[in-house]
Amino acid sequence: MRCDYHDRGVCRSCTLLAIPHPDQVAAKQAAVAAVLASAAPGVRWLEPVSGPDHGFRNKAKLVAEGSVGEVSLGILGPDGRGVDLRECGLHDPAIATALPRLSAVIDDIGLIPYAVPTRRGELKHVVVTAAPTGELMIRFVLRSTHHEALLRSRLPRLLEAMPTTRVVSLNIQPKPAAILAGEREIVLTQQDSLRMPIGPVPLHLPPDAFFQTNTAVATALYAQARAWVVESAPRTVWDLYCGVGGFALHAAGPGRVVAGVEIAAGAIAAARRSAAELGLDPGLARFAAGDASAAYDLLPGPPDLVVVNPPRRGLDPGLVAWLDACPADTLVYSSCNPVTLARDLAGLATWRAREARLFDMFPHTDHHEVAVVCDRS
């Protein structure tokens, strides 16, 4: 992929852009295999999964900067000022098409962009998410509710300019800190989540939900996890850190109980909605809001297979100890951090990593996802 922003030195986020994409994937594979070598001896590596090297990001998280009527959307430069990246080649085509229209609406409405150096203004970020269908969710991150009435009054104008938009929300983030979003979410549209079909599963994303930013590679990740589940033929599957239920719902099958736990109540509501849309028996698809460490008290069990998809920090020591002693005989671990993955695998003394696969979620960077399936040693 060629990028004018990179060539001009305006944005260097894609640190590996000068390296051909196949070479990037090969280097990531070698690096992650080296990190996991001692924690997963004898693991069989499957062929890495990669997708397009451009137009793959289903979510654009853009800093708002500039002045009223001339708002830029991009990233912050070293001086704390905005660097406009509306034409970034990583964006999903639906987002690329929408951004000029969205920018025009923002300028027309007269939203006041937030200035980091002076800590003045209202509009901090704009987050645009695209479903495979081309439908959009737009989230305005504001310092206060000062612009709420204005945005409500101009919502018809926004929806007219971008007719594939299904969800518009305001997030209130009053802190002068490098935090993307705050705790309060105000949904302006009748629809409060974006329908995100992934393979055979219709996921639903609320504005504050986590989801992999590369739809094509995420689809392959869920398909791989499902293949491991089918191979194991468990009666009960637990999905810890389940988010909107992606792994659990892909693991569903005749007579099989799938259950997930996630700290975010909105994500759990979305998982239940997807389960209902799939026609799953409520007794066979159970989702609970809570901490992963409390799964045994929240989910129907005991589990035969456990899926874990923790944040970058990996698993808490108590959860590692629980997994080591739990009755499950198969463990699927999806990780975005090979260092904490290696640490956790080393701590799982009763488990043996059997197969692993690299998923190139983030071309042109060192980041990636790794999935490992483990059996009892």
Protein backbone atom coordinates (compact mmCIF):
# COMPACT_ATOMS: atom_id res chain seq x y z
CA MET A 1 0.00 0.00 0.00
CA ARG A 2 1.24 3.49 -0.87
CA CYS A 3 0.40 6.29 1.55
CA ASP A 4 0.94 9.99 0.91
CA TYR A 5 0.71 10.75 4.63
CA HIS A 6 3.57 8.33 5.32
CA ASP A 7 5.66 9.55 2.39
CA ARG A 8 5.38 13.14 3.59
CA GLY A 9 6.19 12.17 7.18
CA VAL A 10 2.80 13.41 8.37
CA CYS A 11 1.84 10.07 9.96
CA ARG A 12 4.15 7.24 10.93
CA SER A 13 1.60 4.96 12.60
CA CYS A 14 2.19 2.26 9.96
CA THR A 15 5.76 1.54 11.01
CA LEU A 16 6.19 -1.42 8.63
CA LEU A 17 4.69 0.19 5.54
CA ALA A 18 7.96 0.07 3.58
CA ILE A 19 8.11 -3.73 3.97
CA PRO A 20 6.09 -5.89 1.53
CA HIS A 21 3.02 -7.27 3.28
CA PRO A 22 3.94 -10.99 2.85
CA ASP A 23 7.32 -10.26 4.44
CA GLN A 24 5.60 -8.50 7.33
CA VAL A 25 3.47 -11.58 8.00
CA ALA A 26 6.48 -13.90 7.81
CA ALA A 27 8.40 -11.73 10.26
CA LYS A 28 5.46 -11.65 12.70
CA GLN A 29 5.15 -15.43 12.48
CA ALA A 30 8.84 -15.90 13.26
CA ALA A 31 8.72 -13.40 16.13
CA VAL A 32 5.67 -14.86 17.84
CA ALA A 33 6.97 -18.42 17.43
CA ALA A 34 10.19 -17.37 19.14
CA VAL A 35 8.30 -15.75 22.03
CA LEU A 36 6.17 -18.86 22.58
CA ALA A 37 8.93 -21.43 22.01
CA SER A 38 9.62 -22.24 25.66
CA ALA A 39 5.99 -21.93 26.85
CA ALA A 40 4.54 -23.99 23.99
CA PRO A 41 7.17 -26.58 23.02
CA GLY A 42 6.11 -28.80 20.15
CA VAL A 43 3.11 -26.66 19.18
CA ARG A 44 2.09 -27.08 15.54
CA TRP A 45 1.78 -23.78 13.71
CA LEU A 46 -0.98 -23.51 11.14
CA GLU A 47 -0.64 -21.25 8.09
CA PRO A 48 -0.87 -17.56 9.10
CA VAL A 49 -4.06 -15.74 8.16
CA SER A 50 -3.88 -12.34 6.50
CA GLY A 51 -6.28 -10.22 4.50
CA PRO A 52 -6.03 -7.08 2.36
CA ASP A 53 -3.30 -4.63 3.36
CA HIS A 54 -5.60 -1.62 2.83
CA GLY A 55 -9.27 -0.79 3.35
CA PHE A 56 -9.49 -3.27 6.22
CA ARG A 57 -10.18 -1.14 9.29
CA ASN A 58 -13.86 -1.31 10.27
CA LYS A 59 -13.42 1.39 12.90
CA ALA A 60 -11.88 4.86 12.53
CA LYS A 61 -11.02 6.59 15.81
CA LEU A 62 -10.33 10.18 14.82
CA VAL A 63 -9.20 13.17 16.87
CA ALA A 64 -11.19 16.34 16.18
CA GLU A 65 -9.10 19.50 15.93
CA GLY A 66 -9.03 22.86 14.15
CA SER A 67 -11.63 25.59 14.41
CA VAL A 68 -15.39 25.94 14.05
CA GLY A 69 -16.31 25.34 10.42
CA GLU A 70 -12.85 23.95 9.63
CA VAL A 71 -12.59 20.83 11.78
CA SER A 72 -9.90 18.27 10.94
CA LEU A 73 -10.24 14.56 11.75
CA GLY A 74 -7.13 12.47 12.32
CA ILE A 75 -4.47 12.11 15.00
CA LEU A 76 -2.62 14.42 17.36
CA GLY A 77 0.79 15.59 16.27
CA PRO A 78 3.78 16.01 18.63
CA ASP A 79 2.72 19.62 19.31
CA GLY A 80 -0.74 18.54 20.48
CA ARG A 81 -2.37 19.82 17.32
CA GLY A 82 -4.43 17.76 14.91
CA VAL A 83 -3.09 16.00 11.82
CA ASP A 84 -5.89 15.42 9.32
CA LEU A 85 -6.13 11.78 8.12
CA ARG A 86 -9.52 11.68 6.46
CA GLU A 87 -8.06 9.99 3.37
CA CYS A 88 -6.20 7.23 5.25
CA GLY A 89 -6.01 4.14 3.06
CA LEU A 90 -6.63 1.76 5.96
CA HIS A 91 -10.29 2.73 6.33
CA ASP A 92 -13.07 0.42 5.19
CA PRO A 93 -14.52 1.76 1.91
CA ALA A 94 -17.79 2.64 3.67
CA ILE A 95 -15.88 4.80 6.15
CA ALA A 96 -13.75 6.37 3.42
CA THR A 97 -16.94 7.38 1.59
CA ALA A 98 -18.60 8.71 4.73
CA LEU A 99 -15.79 10.85 6.18
CA PRO A 100 -15.99 13.77 3.71
CA ARG A 101 -19.76 13.93 4.23
CA LEU A 102 -19.39 13.66 7.99
CA SER A 103 -16.78 16.42 8.01
CA ALA A 104 -19.13 18.67 6.03
CA VAL A 105 -21.93 18.01 8.52
CA ILE A 106 -19.64 18.75 11.49
CA ASP A 107 -18.59 22.03 9.88
CA ASP A 108 -22.18 22.89 8.98
CA ILE A 109 -23.43 22.21 12.51
CA GLY A 110 -20.68 24.34 14.00
CA LEU A 111 -19.32 21.91 16.58
CA ILE A 112 -16.45 23.37 18.60
CA PRO A 113 -13.39 21.11 18.40
CA TYR A 114 -11.44 20.47 21.60
CA ALA A 115 -7.92 21.91 21.73
CA VAL A 116 -5.55 19.82 23.86
CA PRO A 117 -3.02 22.63 24.56
CA THR A 118 -5.68 25.04 25.90
CA ARG A 119 -8.19 22.41 27.14
CA ARG A 120 -11.01 24.34 25.50
CA GLY A 121 -13.72 23.21 23.14
CA GLU A 122 -16.22 20.37 23.10
CA LEU A 123 -15.73 17.79 20.31
CA LYS A 124 -12.81 15.51 21.21
CA HIS A 125 -13.12 12.47 18.95
CA VAL A 126 -15.30 11.01 16.24
CA VAL A 127 -15.52 7.21 16.00
CA VAL A 128 -17.00 5.66 12.88
CA THR A 129 -17.67 1.90 12.67
CA ALA A 130 -18.64 0.07 9.49
CA ALA A 131 -20.45 -3.25 9.22
CA PRO A 132 -19.80 -5.62 6.30
CA THR A 133 -23.15 -4.44 4.89
CA GLY A 134 -21.86 -0.85 4.65
CA GLU A 135 -24.06 0.34 7.52
CA LEU A 136 -22.44 2.79 9.92
CA MET A 137 -22.32 3.74 13.60
CA ILE A 138 -21.08 7.22 14.51
CA ARG A 139 -19.98 8.17 17.99
CA PHE A 140 -19.20 11.76 18.98
CA VAL A 141 -16.95 12.02 22.04
CA LEU A 142 -17.64 15.34 23.76
CA ARG A 143 -16.28 17.11 26.81
CA SER A 144 -19.79 17.91 28.07
CA THR A 145 -23.45 17.87 27.03
CA HIS A 146 -23.13 21.45 25.71
CA HIS A 147 -23.67 20.29 22.10
CA GLU A 148 -26.37 17.68 22.84
CA ALA A 149 -29.38 19.80 21.90
CA LEU A 150 -27.62 21.04 18.77
CA LEU A 151 -26.77 17.51 17.63
CA ARG A 152 -30.29 16.29 18.33
CA SER A 153 -31.73 19.09 16.20
CA ARG A 154 -29.30 18.38 13.33
CA LEU A 155 -29.61 14.59 13.43
CA PRO A 156 -31.96 14.52 10.38
CA ARG A 157 -29.32 16.48 8.42
CA LEU A 158 -26.63 13.97 9.37
CA LEU A 159 -28.78 10.97 8.47
CA GLU A 160 -29.73 12.56 5.15
CA ALA A 161 -26.06 13.14 4.28
CA MET A 162 -25.12 9.57 5.29
CA PRO A 163 -28.21 7.39 4.73
CA THR A 164 -26.46 4.14 5.69
CA THR A 165 -25.96 5.43 9.25
CA ARG A 166 -27.93 3.35 11.72
CA VAL A 167 -26.60 4.46 15.13
CA VAL A 168 -25.49 7.89 16.36
CA SER A 169 -24.39 8.42 19.94
CA LEU A 170 -22.73 10.98 22.16
CA ASN A 171 -20.11 9.92 24.69
CA ILE A 172 -19.30 12.35 27.48
CA GLN A 173 -15.60 12.40 28.44
CA PRO A 174 -14.93 15.45 30.66
CA LYS A 175 -11.41 14.53 31.81
CA PRO A 176 -8.40 16.37 30.30
CA ALA A 177 -6.59 13.08 29.80
CA ALA A 178 -5.64 10.71 26.97
CA ILE A 179 -8.81 8.64 27.43
CA LEU A 180 -10.90 7.92 24.37
CA ALA A 181 -14.29 7.71 26.04
CA GLY A 182 -16.13 8.37 29.27
CA GLU A 183 -18.74 6.40 31.18
CA ARG A 184 -21.88 8.20 29.96
CA GLU A 185 -23.35 7.27 26.57
CA ILE A 186 -26.33 9.06 25.01
CA VAL A 187 -27.84 7.32 21.98
CA LEU A 188 -29.64 9.73 19.64
CA THR A 189 -31.09 7.22 17.15
CA GLN A 190 -33.84 4.70 17.66
CA GLN A 191 -31.37 1.89 16.90
CA ASP A 192 -28.82 1.53 19.69
CA SER A 193 -26.43 -1.06 18.20
CA LEU A 194 -24.88 -1.82 14.83
CA ARG A 195 -25.71 -5.20 13.33
CA MET A 196 -22.39 -6.81 12.43
CA PRO A 197 -22.83 -10.13 10.59
CA ILE A 198 -19.69 -12.24 10.91
CA GLY A 199 -19.90 -15.51 9.02
CA PRO A 200 -23.15 -17.18 10.13
CA VAL A 201 -23.48 -15.08 13.30
CA PRO A 202 -25.26 -11.68 13.43
CA LEU A 203 -23.34 -9.83 16.14
CA HIS A 204 -24.61 -6.52 17.53
CA LEU A 205 -22.21 -3.75 18.54
CA PRO A 206 -23.26 -1.06 21.03
CA PRO A 207 -21.23 2.17 20.75
CA ASP A 208 -18.97 1.18 23.66
CA ALA A 209 -18.42 -2.45 22.63
CA PHE A 210 -15.02 -3.91 21.77
CA PHE A 211 -14.65 -5.67 18.44
CA GLN A 212 -11.71 -6.63 16.28
CA THR A 213 -10.96 -3.83 13.81
CA ASN A 214 -10.28 -6.16 10.86
CA THR A 215 -13.54 -7.82 9.82
CA ALA A 216 -12.09 -10.29 7.31
CA VAL A 217 -9.41 -11.58 9.67
CA ALA A 218 -11.80 -11.60 12.65
CA THR A 219 -14.11 -13.83 10.59
CA ALA A 220 -11.21 -16.25 10.07
CA LEU A 221 -10.36 -16.15 13.79
CA TYR A 222 -13.90 -17.11 14.79
CA ALA A 223 -13.98 -19.82 12.13
CA GLN A 224 -10.73 -21.31 13.48
CA ALA A 225 -12.03 -21.30 17.03
CA ARG A 226 -15.23 -22.98 15.87
CA ALA A 227 -13.20 -25.67 14.06
CA TRP A 228 -11.37 -26.44 17.30
CA VAL A 229 -14.69 -26.56 19.18
CA VAL A 230 -16.23 -28.94 16.64
CA GLU A 231 -13.13 -31.15 16.83
CA SER A 232 -13.39 -31.32 20.62
CA ALA A 233 -17.18 -31.89 20.59
CA PRO A 234 -17.82 -30.37 24.05
CA ARG A 235 -21.18 -30.42 25.76
CA THR A 236 -20.60 -27.07 27.48
CA VAL A 237 -18.46 -24.15 26.29
CA TRP A 238 -17.51 -21.17 28.42
CA ASP A 239 -16.39 -17.91 26.77
CA LEU A 240 -14.55 -15.72 29.27
CA TYR A 241 -14.13 -12.02 28.39
CA CYS A 242 -16.86 -12.77 25.83
CA GLY A 243 -17.58 -9.20 24.69
CA VAL A 244 -20.64 -9.31 22.43
CA GLY A 245 -20.47 -13.11 22.34
CA GLY A 246 -18.47 -13.78 19.18
CA PHE A 247 -16.65 -16.94 20.27
CA ALA A 248 -19.57 -18.40 22.22
CA LEU A 249 -22.09 -17.88 19.43
CA HIS A 250 -19.76 -19.36 16.82
CA ALA A 251 -19.36 -22.38 19.10
CA ALA A 252 -23.11 -23.05 19.30
CA GLY A 253 -24.34 -26.43 18.05
CA PRO A 254 -27.18 -28.91 18.53
CA GLY A 255 -27.60 -29.72 22.20
CA ARG A 256 -24.48 -27.77 23.19
CA VAL A 257 -24.58 -25.23 26.01
CA VAL A 258 -22.60 -22.05 25.24
CA ALA A 259 -22.15 -19.43 27.94
CA GLY A 260 -20.22 -16.19 28.23
CA VAL A 261 -19.21 -13.70 30.89
CA GLU A 262 -18.20 -10.08 30.32
CA ILE A 263 -17.88 -7.09 32.65
CA ALA A 264 -19.77 -4.73 30.29
CA ALA A 265 -23.53 -5.10 30.71
CA GLY A 266 -24.22 -3.55 27.29
CA ALA A 267 -22.11 -6.19 25.57
CA ILE A 268 -23.99 -8.94 27.40
CA ALA A 269 -27.33 -7.48 26.26
CA ALA A 270 -25.98 -7.50 22.70
CA ALA A 271 -24.87 -11.14 23.00
CA ARG A 272 -28.32 -12.15 24.21
CA ARG A 273 -29.89 -10.29 21.31
CA SER A 274 -27.69 -12.15 18.81
CA ALA A 275 -28.51 -15.49 20.46
CA ALA A 276 -32.22 -14.74 20.14
CA GLU A 277 -31.79 -13.72 16.49
CA LEU A 278 -30.06 -17.05 15.84
CA GLY A 279 -33.02 -18.83 17.40
CA LEU A 280 -30.93 -20.42 20.14
CA ASP A 281 -32.75 -21.92 23.10
CA PRO A 282 -32.19 -19.55 26.08
CA GLY A 283 -31.26 -22.58 28.14
CA LEU A 284 -28.45 -23.40 25.71
CA ALA A 285 -27.08 -19.86 25.27
CA ARG A 286 -26.42 -18.11 28.57
CA PHE A 287 -24.64 -14.78 29.05
CA ALA A 288 -23.88 -13.04 32.34
CA ALA A 289 -22.44 -9.65 33.27
CA GLY A 290 -19.55 -9.97 35.67
CA ASP A 291 -15.85 -10.56 36.11
CA ALA A 292 -14.25 -13.52 34.35
CA SER A 293 -12.88 -14.74 37.67
CA ALA A 294 -16.47 -15.21 38.90
CA ALA A 295 -17.48 -17.41 35.96
CA TYR A 296 -18.02 -20.51 38.11
CA ASP A 297 -20.70 -18.67 40.08
CA LEU A 298 -22.33 -17.09 37.01
CA LEU A 299 -22.32 -19.70 34.23
CA PRO A 300 -23.90 -23.16 33.86
CA GLY A 301 -21.30 -25.85 34.19
CA PRO A 302 -19.05 -27.55 34.49
CA PRO A 303 -17.34 -26.57 31.21
CA ASP A 304 -15.79 -29.06 28.82
CA LEU A 305 -14.10 -26.33 26.77
CA VAL A 306 -13.09 -22.81 27.82
CA VAL A 307 -12.31 -19.89 25.52
CA VAL A 308 -10.36 -16.93 26.92
CA ASN A 309 -9.82 -13.66 25.07
CA PRO A 310 -8.32 -11.31 27.67
CA PRO A 311 -7.04 -7.75 27.21
CA ARG A 312 -3.33 -7.12 26.54
CA ARG A 313 -2.42 -7.62 30.19
CA GLY A 314 -3.41 -11.29 29.92
CA LEU A 315 -5.01 -13.44 32.60
CA ASP A 316 -5.01 -12.65 36.30
CA PRO A 317 -2.98 -15.16 38.37
CA GLY A 318 -6.13 -16.37 40.11
CA LEU A 319 -7.78 -17.20 36.79
CA VAL A 320 -4.66 -19.05 35.61
CA ALA A 321 -4.82 -21.17 38.77
CA TRP A 322 -8.54 -21.81 38.26
CA LEU A 323 -8.02 -22.87 34.64
CA ASP A 324 -5.28 -25.25 35.73
CA ALA A 325 -7.68 -27.00 38.11
CA CYS A 326 -10.98 -26.71 36.21
CA PRO A 327 -12.68 -29.80 34.71
CA ALA A 328 -12.40 -28.65 31.06
CA ASP A 329 -10.25 -30.74 28.74
CA THR A 330 -9.82 -28.15 25.95
CA LEU A 331 -8.70 -24.51 26.19
CA VAL A 332 -8.74 -21.96 23.36
CA TYR A 333 -6.70 -18.83 24.11
CA SER A 334 -6.94 -15.81 21.79
CA SER A 335 -4.36 -13.12 22.52
CA CYS A 336 -3.22 -9.77 21.15
CA ASN A 337 -0.03 -9.88 23.24
CA PRO A 338 2.36 -12.83 22.76
CA VAL A 339 4.40 -11.84 25.83
CA THR A 340 1.50 -12.21 28.27
CA LEU A 341 0.27 -15.24 26.31
CA ALA A 342 3.66 -16.94 26.83
CA ARG A 343 3.57 -16.04 30.52
CA ASP A 344 0.09 -17.48 30.96
CA LEU A 345 0.84 -20.66 29.00
CA ALA A 346 3.92 -21.20 31.17
CA GLY A 347 1.70 -20.91 34.26
CA LEU A 348 -0.84 -23.43 32.96
CA ALA A 349 1.09 -26.48 34.13
CA THR A 350 -1.63 -29.03 33.37
CA TRP A 351 -2.15 -27.84 29.78
CA ARG A 352 -0.19 -28.47 26.57
CA ALA A 353 -0.44 -26.15 23.56
CA ARG A 354 -1.28 -28.33 20.55
CA GLU A 355 -1.91 -25.93 17.65
CA ALA A 356 -1.48 -22.20 17.12
CA ARG A 357 -2.23 -19.70 14.39
CA LEU A 358 -1.21 -16.12 13.69
CA PHE A 359 -3.93 -13.70 12.54
CA ASP A 360 -2.60 -10.54 10.92
CA MET A 361 -5.25 -8.14 12.23
CA PHE A 362 -3.07 -5.05 11.90
CA PRO A 363 -1.02 -4.90 8.68
CA HIS A 364 1.93 -2.47 8.57
CA THR A 365 2.41 -2.66 12.37
CA ASP A 366 4.01 -5.11 14.80
CA HIS A 367 0.60 -5.95 16.28
CA HIS A 368 -1.28 -9.18 15.62
CA GLU A 369 -3.59 -11.76 17.17
CA VAL A 370 -2.59 -15.31 18.06
CA ALA A 371 -4.96 -18.18 18.81
CA VAL A 372 -3.80 -21.35 20.58
CA VAL A 373 -5.68 -24.54 21.39
CA CYS A 374 -4.50 -26.53 24.41
CA ASP A 375 -5.21 -30.05 25.66
CA ARG A 376 -4.50 -31.54 29.04
CA SER A 377 -0.86 -32.62 29.32
